[in-house]
Amino acid sequence: MPLVATVPLPEGLDLSPPAGADFARAIALEERLARARAKRES
């Protein structure tokens, strides 16, 4: 569960498609990094 979900969004934040796409890309990148880190540690 991403911690971001628990943080109140700033007033007027526009999750238009470009912003939404960047958000999804950032989450995907974090997941990739987490998997790589877990693989190194095992």
Protein backbone atom coordinates (compact mmCIF):
# COMPACT_ATOMS: atom_id res chain seq x y z
CA MET A 1 0.00 0.00 0.00
CA PRO A 2 1.65 3.24 -1.07
CA LEU A 3 1.95 5.77 1.76
CA VAL A 4 0.99 8.50 -0.70
CA ALA A 5 -2.63 7.33 -0.52
CA THR A 6 -2.89 8.35 3.13
CA VAL A 7 -1.64 11.89 2.54
CA PRO A 8 -4.34 14.52 1.92
CA LEU A 9 -4.01 15.97 -1.56
CA PRO A 10 -3.16 19.67 -1.78
CA GLU A 11 -6.06 21.96 -2.66
CA GLY A 12 -6.51 22.32 -6.38
CA LEU A 13 -4.24 19.42 -7.30
CA ASP A 14 -5.22 18.39 -10.82
CA LEU A 15 -4.76 14.69 -11.51
CA SER A 16 -5.24 15.21 -15.23
CA PRO A 17 -3.95 12.48 -17.58
CA PRO A 18 -0.36 13.84 -17.78
CA ALA A 19 -0.06 14.08 -13.98
CA GLY A 20 -1.76 10.70 -13.55
CA ALA A 21 0.62 9.10 -16.02
CA ASP A 22 3.63 10.55 -14.18
CA PHE A 23 2.21 9.24 -10.89
CA ALA A 24 1.75 5.74 -12.34
CA ARG A 25 5.25 5.83 -13.81
CA ALA A 26 6.73 6.85 -10.46
CA ILE A 27 4.92 3.99 -8.70
CA ALA A 28 6.11 1.51 -11.34
CA LEU A 29 9.68 2.76 -10.92
CA GLU A 30 9.48 2.40 -7.13
CA GLU A 31 8.21 -1.18 -7.50
CA ARG A 32 11.03 -2.01 -9.92
CA LEU A 33 13.60 -0.60 -7.50
CA ALA A 34 12.07 -2.52 -4.59
CA ARG A 35 12.18 -5.79 -6.56
CA ALA A 36 15.80 -5.19 -7.58
CA ARG A 37 16.75 -4.40 -3.97
CA ALA A 38 15.00 -7.54 -2.69
CA LYS A 39 16.75 -9.64 -5.33
CA ARG A 40 20.16 -8.28 -4.27
CA GLU A 41 19.50 -8.97 -0.59
CA SER A 42 18.32 -12.56 -1.06
